[in-house]
Amino acid sequence: MQLRIKTVLKIAERRAWVLPKFQREFSWDAKKIVNLFDSIDRGCPIGEIVLLRYHKDFHFEARGIDGDEKLKRKLPEHCIIGGQQRFTSLYKVIKDLSGLNVGLDESEPQYISIPEMGMNYDKKTDYAFFLDLSLEFGKTRIIEQKRPIPSHISFDEQAKMKRVPLEFVFCHDETSEAFLTKYGFSKNDIKAVKAFKKKVEDYEITIKRCVAH
């Protein structure tokens, strides 16, 4: 089965798909997140999501894709048992990073706290992610920057470098366009941002389902 990224994130957001607690913690570093979005941008396969149908007779504790352990749904539909690192990465960037949608802070980029390389879950670093419109298709257009970003590289400076914070790519279209217009991006730039957002949201992921016996 193939489902669009936009669809699977909505399913996860309403807690129909959850993470069993026996799954390891989120361990991907910034480079792996960049490579994931780069693969989507290029139209390359990113692997599959494997689901285990939730059954009351095979009960185990679970948490939401956002890490919330207070699940309101008593019986989720499925548990994610394969591909949770890439799925969590998509959720963190598209939903967590841009989830405010209205009133995003323009004083500095939004950051995601993620593990450093080596799967040291306790050692995390804050990263901001940008879409670099100065790079042509075929090159890695997603870049990461570790906190603190030098103070002289303001949103104005980022705009001059044709870099758009990903929270202003995946937020509401009206918010995104207002931000891009404010910082002097051209109409073609705005079209390019919308095209990238659509490409990511419409990208189809392979979903495999299995049942516990």
C-alpha atoms as a PDB file:
ATOM      1  CA  MET A   1       0.000   0.000   0.000  1.00  0.00           C
ATOM      2  CA  GLN A   2       1.183   3.510  -0.817  1.00  0.00           C
ATOM      3  CA  LEU A   3       0.191   6.543   1.267  1.00  0.00           C
ATOM      4  CA  ARG A   4       1.196  10.182   0.964  1.00  0.00           C
ATOM      5  CA  ILE A   5       3.366  11.688   3.706  1.00  0.00           C
ATOM      6  CA  LYS A   6       0.624  14.241   4.388  1.00  0.00           C
ATOM      7  CA  THR A   7      -1.832  11.400   5.033  1.00  0.00           C
ATOM      8  CA  VAL A   8       0.381   9.288   7.290  1.00  0.00           C
ATOM      9  CA  LEU A   9       1.265  12.281   9.462  1.00  0.00           C
ATOM     10  CA  LYS A  10      -2.428  13.036   9.984  1.00  0.00           C
ATOM     11  CA  ILE A  11      -2.992   9.409  10.980  1.00  0.00           C
ATOM     12  CA  ALA A  12      -0.134   9.584  13.478  1.00  0.00           C
ATOM     13  CA  GLU A  13      -1.349  12.940  14.795  1.00  0.00           C
ATOM     14  CA  ARG A  14      -4.697  11.451  15.803  1.00  0.00           C
ATOM     15  CA  ARG A  15      -2.854   8.571  17.503  1.00  0.00           C
ATOM     16  CA  ALA A  16      -4.191   5.850  15.218  1.00  0.00           C
ATOM     17  CA  TRP A  17      -0.568   4.793  14.666  1.00  0.00           C
ATOM     18  CA  VAL A  18       1.679   4.721  17.730  1.00  0.00           C
ATOM     19  CA  LEU A  19       5.158   3.608  18.763  1.00  0.00           C
ATOM     20  CA  PRO A  20       5.472   0.601  21.095  1.00  0.00           C
ATOM     21  CA  LYS A  21       7.690   1.384  24.058  1.00  0.00           C
ATOM     22  CA  PHE A  22       9.970  -1.519  23.210  1.00  0.00           C
ATOM     23  CA  GLN A  23      11.104   0.496  20.182  1.00  0.00           C
ATOM     24  CA  ARG A  24      14.378   2.326  20.742  1.00  0.00           C
ATOM     25  CA  GLU A  25      14.401   6.075  21.285  1.00  0.00           C
ATOM     26  CA  PHE A  26      14.812   8.473  18.376  1.00  0.00           C
ATOM     27  CA  SER A  27      18.486   8.284  17.398  1.00  0.00           C
ATOM     28  CA  TRP A  28      18.922   9.911  13.992  1.00  0.00           C
ATOM     29  CA  ASP A  29      21.369  12.787  13.781  1.00  0.00           C
ATOM     30  CA  ALA A  30      20.976  15.935  11.681  1.00  0.00           C
ATOM     31  CA  LYS A  31      22.781  14.540   8.633  1.00  0.00           C
ATOM     32  CA  LYS A  32      20.411  11.584   8.388  1.00  0.00           C
ATOM     33  CA  ILE A  33      17.431  13.939   8.534  1.00  0.00           C
ATOM     34  CA  VAL A  34      18.982  16.055   5.762  1.00  0.00           C
ATOM     35  CA  ASN A  35      19.594  12.932   3.654  1.00  0.00           C
ATOM     36  CA  LEU A  36      15.988  11.810   4.162  1.00  0.00           C
ATOM     37  CA  PHE A  37      14.553  15.060   2.820  1.00  0.00           C
ATOM     38  CA  ASP A  38      17.147  15.111   0.048  1.00  0.00           C
ATOM     39  CA  SER A  39      16.008  11.643  -1.074  1.00  0.00           C
ATOM     40  CA  ILE A  40      12.397  12.818  -1.120  1.00  0.00           C
ATOM     41  CA  ASP A  41      13.388  15.926  -3.062  1.00  0.00           C
ATOM     42  CA  ARG A  42      15.096  13.746  -5.674  1.00  0.00           C
ATOM     43  CA  GLY A  43      12.211  11.258  -5.793  1.00  0.00           C
ATOM     44  CA  CYS A  44      14.335   8.395  -4.468  1.00  0.00           C
ATOM     45  CA  PRO A  45      12.948   5.516  -2.333  1.00  0.00           C
ATOM     46  CA  ILE A  46      13.211   6.107   1.417  1.00  0.00           C
ATOM     47  CA  GLY A  47      12.224   2.657   2.666  1.00  0.00           C
ATOM     48  CA  GLU A  48       8.962   1.397   4.066  1.00  0.00           C
ATOM     49  CA  ILE A  49       6.891   1.784   7.205  1.00  0.00           C
ATOM     50  CA  VAL A  50       5.930  -1.531   8.831  1.00  0.00           C
ATOM     51  CA  LEU A  51       2.784  -1.652  10.959  1.00  0.00           C
ATOM     52  CA  LEU A  52       1.623  -4.265  13.452  1.00  0.00           C
ATOM     53  CA  ARG A  53      -2.133  -4.354  13.855  1.00  0.00           C
ATOM     54  CA  TYR A  54      -2.932  -3.498  17.463  1.00  0.00           C
ATOM     55  CA  HIS A  55      -4.861  -6.225  19.280  1.00  0.00           C
ATOM     56  CA  LYS A  56      -6.225  -6.114  22.813  1.00  0.00           C
ATOM     57  CA  ASP A  57      -4.969  -9.658  23.454  1.00  0.00           C
ATOM     58  CA  PHE A  58      -1.393  -8.565  22.666  1.00  0.00           C
ATOM     59  CA  HIS A  59      -1.303  -5.476  24.806  1.00  0.00           C
ATOM     60  CA  PHE A  60       1.895  -3.514  25.334  1.00  0.00           C
ATOM     61  CA  GLU A  61       2.589   0.062  26.309  1.00  0.00           C
ATOM     62  CA  ALA A  62       2.904   2.624  23.545  1.00  0.00           C
ATOM     63  CA  ARG A  63       3.619   6.306  22.985  1.00  0.00           C
ATOM     64  CA  GLY A  64       2.642   8.835  20.344  1.00  0.00           C
ATOM     65  CA  ILE A  65       4.973   9.637  17.467  1.00  0.00           C
ATOM     66  CA  ASP A  66       5.620  12.947  19.247  1.00  0.00           C
ATOM     67  CA  GLY A  67       6.740  11.085  22.381  1.00  0.00           C
ATOM     68  CA  ASP A  68       3.530  11.698  24.311  1.00  0.00           C
ATOM     69  CA  GLU A  69       2.918   8.743  26.614  1.00  0.00           C
ATOM     70  CA  LYS A  70      -0.577   9.867  27.627  1.00  0.00           C
ATOM     71  CA  LEU A  71      -2.483   8.377  24.722  1.00  0.00           C
ATOM     72  CA  LYS A  72      -6.157   9.293  24.679  1.00  0.00           C
ATOM     73  CA  ARG A  73      -7.075   6.498  22.296  1.00  0.00           C
ATOM     74  CA  LYS A  74      -7.480   3.316  24.334  1.00  0.00           C
ATOM     75  CA  LEU A  75      -6.884   1.045  21.362  1.00  0.00           C
ATOM     76  CA  PRO A  76      -4.737   2.458  18.543  1.00  0.00           C
ATOM     77  CA  GLU A  77      -5.162   0.863  15.140  1.00  0.00           C
ATOM     78  CA  HIS A  78      -1.510   0.006  14.506  1.00  0.00           C
ATOM     79  CA  CYS A  79       1.933   0.124  16.088  1.00  0.00           C
ATOM     80  CA  ILE A  80       4.914   1.222  14.017  1.00  0.00           C
ATOM     81  CA  ILE A  81       7.487  -1.550  14.228  1.00  0.00           C
ATOM     82  CA  GLY A  82       9.609  -0.672  11.217  1.00  0.00           C
ATOM     83  CA  GLY A  83      10.819   2.647   9.824  1.00  0.00           C
ATOM     84  CA  GLN A  84      10.148   4.632  12.986  1.00  0.00           C
ATOM     85  CA  GLN A  85      13.363   6.670  12.686  1.00  0.00           C
ATOM     86  CA  ARG A  86      12.426   8.107   9.279  1.00  0.00           C
ATOM     87  CA  PHE A  87       8.783   8.479  10.306  1.00  0.00           C
ATOM     88  CA  THR A  88       9.732  10.333  13.491  1.00  0.00           C
ATOM     89  CA  SER A  89      12.105  12.561  11.495  1.00  0.00           C
ATOM     90  CA  LEU A  90       9.288  13.534   9.132  1.00  0.00           C
ATOM     91  CA  TYR A  91       7.006  14.266  12.064  1.00  0.00           C
ATOM     92  CA  LYS A  92       9.599  16.347  13.899  1.00  0.00           C
ATOM     93  CA  VAL A  93      10.345  18.546  10.886  1.00  0.00           C
ATOM     94  CA  ILE A  94       6.899  18.853   9.309  1.00  0.00           C
ATOM     95  CA  LYS A  95       4.690  18.836  12.405  1.00  0.00           C
ATOM     96  CA  ASP A  96       6.763  19.677  15.494  1.00  0.00           C
ATOM     97  CA  LEU A  97       8.952  22.308  13.840  1.00  0.00           C
ATOM     98  CA  SER A  98       6.090  23.989  11.995  1.00  0.00           C
ATOM     99  CA  GLY A  99       3.218  22.964  14.216  1.00  0.00           C
ATOM    100  CA  LEU A 100       2.551  26.452  15.536  1.00  0.00           C
ATOM    101  CA  ASN A 101       1.608  27.557  12.017  1.00  0.00           C
ATOM    102  CA  VAL A 102       0.465  30.980  13.231  1.00  0.00           C
ATOM    103  CA  GLY A 103       2.716  33.379  15.106  1.00  0.00           C
ATOM    104  CA  LEU A 104       5.996  31.610  14.395  1.00  0.00           C
ATOM    105  CA  ASP A 105       8.907  33.356  16.073  1.00  0.00           C
ATOM    106  CA  GLU A 106      10.871  35.495  13.626  1.00  0.00           C
ATOM    107  CA  SER A 107      13.559  36.475  16.139  1.00  0.00           C
ATOM    108  CA  GLU A 108      15.439  33.232  15.461  1.00  0.00           C
ATOM    109  CA  PRO A 109      14.876  29.932  13.664  1.00  0.00           C
ATOM    110  CA  GLN A 110      12.958  27.097  15.313  1.00  0.00           C
ATOM    111  CA  TYR A 111      15.174  24.298  16.569  1.00  0.00           C
ATOM    112  CA  ILE A 112      14.847  20.545  16.957  1.00  0.00           C
ATOM    113  CA  SER A 113      16.731  18.835  19.762  1.00  0.00           C
ATOM    114  CA  ILE A 114      18.238  15.667  18.280  1.00  0.00           C
ATOM    115  CA  PRO A 115      20.930  13.165  19.277  1.00  0.00           C
ATOM    116  CA  GLU A 116      24.504  13.522  18.166  1.00  0.00           C
ATOM    117  CA  MET A 117      26.105  10.746  16.111  1.00  0.00           C
ATOM    118  CA  GLY A 118      26.757   7.506  17.963  1.00  0.00           C
ATOM    119  CA  MET A 119      23.234   6.971  19.344  1.00  0.00           C
ATOM    120  CA  ASN A 120      24.019   8.760  22.588  1.00  0.00           C
ATOM    121  CA  TYR A 121      20.422   9.549  23.494  1.00  0.00           C
ATOM    122  CA  ASP A 122      21.385  11.732  26.450  1.00  0.00           C
ATOM    123  CA  LYS A 123      23.630  14.019  24.406  1.00  0.00           C
ATOM    124  CA  LYS A 124      21.428  16.177  22.199  1.00  0.00           C
ATOM    125  CA  THR A 125      22.063  19.280  20.147  1.00  0.00           C
ATOM    126  CA  ASP A 126      19.635  21.862  18.752  1.00  0.00           C
ATOM    127  CA  TYR A 127      19.511  22.206  14.971  1.00  0.00           C
ATOM    128  CA  ALA A 128      17.660  24.483  12.582  1.00  0.00           C
ATOM    129  CA  PHE A 129      16.945  23.315   9.025  1.00  0.00           C
ATOM    130  CA  PHE A 130      16.720  25.394   5.857  1.00  0.00           C
ATOM    131  CA  LEU A 131      15.710  25.008   2.223  1.00  0.00           C
ATOM    132  CA  ASP A 132      18.460  26.547   0.098  1.00  0.00           C
ATOM    133  CA  LEU A 133      16.859  27.988  -3.036  1.00  0.00           C
ATOM    134  CA  SER A 134      20.218  29.064  -4.459  1.00  0.00           C
ATOM    135  CA  LEU A 135      21.034  25.441  -5.277  1.00  0.00           C
ATOM    136  CA  GLU A 136      19.683  23.869  -8.433  1.00  0.00           C
ATOM    137  CA  PHE A 137      17.701  20.632  -8.452  1.00  0.00           C
ATOM    138  CA  GLY A 138      19.990  17.623  -8.163  1.00  0.00           C
ATOM    139  CA  LYS A 139      22.042  19.121  -5.352  1.00  0.00           C
ATOM    140  CA  THR A 140      21.264  18.766  -1.657  1.00  0.00           C
ATOM    141  CA  ARG A 141      18.980  21.728  -1.001  1.00  0.00           C
ATOM    142  CA  ILE A 142      18.302  21.015   2.685  1.00  0.00           C
ATOM    143  CA  ILE A 143      20.964  22.261   5.079  1.00  0.00           C
ATOM    144  CA  GLU A 144      21.285  22.031   8.847  1.00  0.00           C
ATOM    145  CA  GLN A 145      22.778  24.587  11.212  1.00  0.00           C
ATOM    146  CA  LYS A 146      23.692  23.960  14.810  1.00  0.00           C
ATOM    147  CA  ARG A 147      22.621  26.323  17.580  1.00  0.00           C
ATOM    148  CA  PRO A 148      23.791  28.966  18.114  1.00  0.00           C
ATOM    149  CA  ILE A 149      23.678  30.298  14.586  1.00  0.00           C
ATOM    150  CA  PRO A 150      26.036  33.321  14.478  1.00  0.00           C
ATOM    151  CA  SER A 151      24.111  36.438  15.455  1.00  0.00           C
ATOM    152  CA  HIS A 152      25.116  38.279  12.288  1.00  0.00           C
ATOM    153  CA  ILE A 153      23.341  35.631  10.171  1.00  0.00           C
ATOM    154  CA  SER A 154      19.857  37.047  10.716  1.00  0.00           C
ATOM    155  CA  PHE A 155      16.735  36.177   8.756  1.00  0.00           C
ATOM    156  CA  ASP A 156      17.681  39.067   6.451  1.00  0.00           C
ATOM    157  CA  GLU A 157      21.084  37.487   5.816  1.00  0.00           C
ATOM    158  CA  GLN A 158      19.550  34.038   5.367  1.00  0.00           C
ATOM    159  CA  ALA A 159      17.145  35.554   2.828  1.00  0.00           C
ATOM    160  CA  LYS A 160      20.052  37.094   0.904  1.00  0.00           C
ATOM    161  CA  MET A 161      21.534  33.577   0.733  1.00  0.00           C
ATOM    162  CA  LYS A 162      18.129  32.288  -0.495  1.00  0.00           C
ATOM    163  CA  ARG A 163      17.684  30.126   2.598  1.00  0.00           C
ATOM    164  CA  VAL A 164      14.184  29.527   3.959  1.00  0.00           C
ATOM    165  CA  PRO A 165      13.734  28.057   7.474  1.00  0.00           C
ATOM    166  CA  LEU A 166      11.767  24.822   7.094  1.00  0.00           C
ATOM    167  CA  GLU A 167       9.164  25.979   9.616  1.00  0.00           C
ATOM    168  CA  PHE A 168       8.226  28.641   7.057  1.00  0.00           C
ATOM    169  CA  VAL A 169       8.093  26.021   4.310  1.00  0.00           C
ATOM    170  CA  PHE A 170       5.694  23.611   6.011  1.00  0.00           C
ATOM    171  CA  CYS A 171       3.493  26.092   7.907  1.00  0.00           C
ATOM    172  CA  HIS A 172       0.201  27.430   6.496  1.00  0.00           C
ATOM    173  CA  ASP A 173       0.597  28.814   2.982  1.00  0.00           C
ATOM    174  CA  GLU A 174      -0.570  32.279   4.064  1.00  0.00           C
ATOM    175  CA  THR A 175       2.024  32.436   6.852  1.00  0.00           C
ATOM    176  CA  SER A 176       4.748  31.148   4.547  1.00  0.00           C
ATOM    177  CA  GLU A 177       3.979  33.619   1.778  1.00  0.00           C
ATOM    178  CA  ALA A 178       3.802  36.556   4.218  1.00  0.00           C
ATOM    179  CA  PHE A 179       7.222  35.629   5.636  1.00  0.00           C
ATOM    180  CA  LEU A 180       8.810  35.177   2.218  1.00  0.00           C
ATOM    181  CA  THR A 181       7.380  38.469   0.944  1.00  0.00           C
ATOM    182  CA  LYS A 182       8.531  40.316   4.061  1.00  0.00           C
ATOM    183  CA  TYR A 183      12.118  39.148   3.581  1.00  0.00           C
ATOM    184  CA  GLY A 184      12.277  39.961  -0.113  1.00  0.00           C
ATOM    185  CA  PHE A 185      11.961  36.566  -1.757  1.00  0.00           C
ATOM    186  CA  SER A 186      10.793  36.749  -5.358  1.00  0.00           C
ATOM    187  CA  LYS A 187       7.572  35.325  -6.783  1.00  0.00           C
ATOM    188  CA  ASN A 188       9.609  32.543  -8.352  1.00  0.00           C
ATOM    189  CA  ASP A 189      11.137  31.782  -4.958  1.00  0.00           C
ATOM    190  CA  ILE A 190       7.664  31.572  -3.417  1.00  0.00           C
ATOM    191  CA  LYS A 191       6.591  29.192  -6.183  1.00  0.00           C
ATOM    192  CA  ALA A 192       9.696  27.074  -5.561  1.00  0.00           C
ATOM    193  CA  VAL A 193       8.925  26.847  -1.837  1.00  0.00           C
ATOM    194  CA  LYS A 194       5.330  25.803  -2.520  1.00  0.00           C
ATOM    195  CA  ALA A 195       6.519  23.236  -5.057  1.00  0.00           C
ATOM    196  CA  PHE A 196       8.986  21.735  -2.558  1.00  0.00           C
ATOM    197  CA  LYS A 197       6.321  21.571   0.156  1.00  0.00           C
ATOM    198  CA  LYS A 198       3.889  19.854  -2.217  1.00  0.00           C
ATOM    199  CA  LYS A 199       6.555  17.411  -3.370  1.00  0.00           C
ATOM    200  CA  VAL A 200       7.269  16.355   0.213  1.00  0.00           C
ATOM    201  CA  GLU A 201       3.635  16.177   1.339  1.00  0.00           C
ATOM    202  CA  ASP A 202       2.573  14.222  -1.773  1.00  0.00           C
ATOM    203  CA  TYR A 203       5.508  11.815  -1.669  1.00  0.00           C
ATOM    204  CA  GLU A 204       4.157   8.265  -1.336  1.00  0.00           C
ATOM    205  CA  ILE A 205       5.577   5.925   1.288  1.00  0.00           C
ATOM    206  CA  THR A 206       5.242   2.146   1.104  1.00  0.00           C
ATOM    207  CA  ILE A 207       3.198   0.862   4.050  1.00  0.00           C
ATOM    208  CA  LYS A 208       3.287  -2.821   5.036  1.00  0.00           C
ATOM    209  CA  ARG A 209       0.933  -4.325   7.576  1.00  0.00           C
ATOM    210  CA  CYS A 210       1.312  -7.461   9.649  1.00  0.00           C
ATOM    211  CA  VAL A 211      -0.840  -9.166  12.251  1.00  0.00           C
ATOM    212  CA  ALA A 212       0.249 -10.769  15.536  1.00  0.00           C
ATOM    213  CA  HIS A 213      -0.733 -14.437  15.907  1.00  0.00           C
END
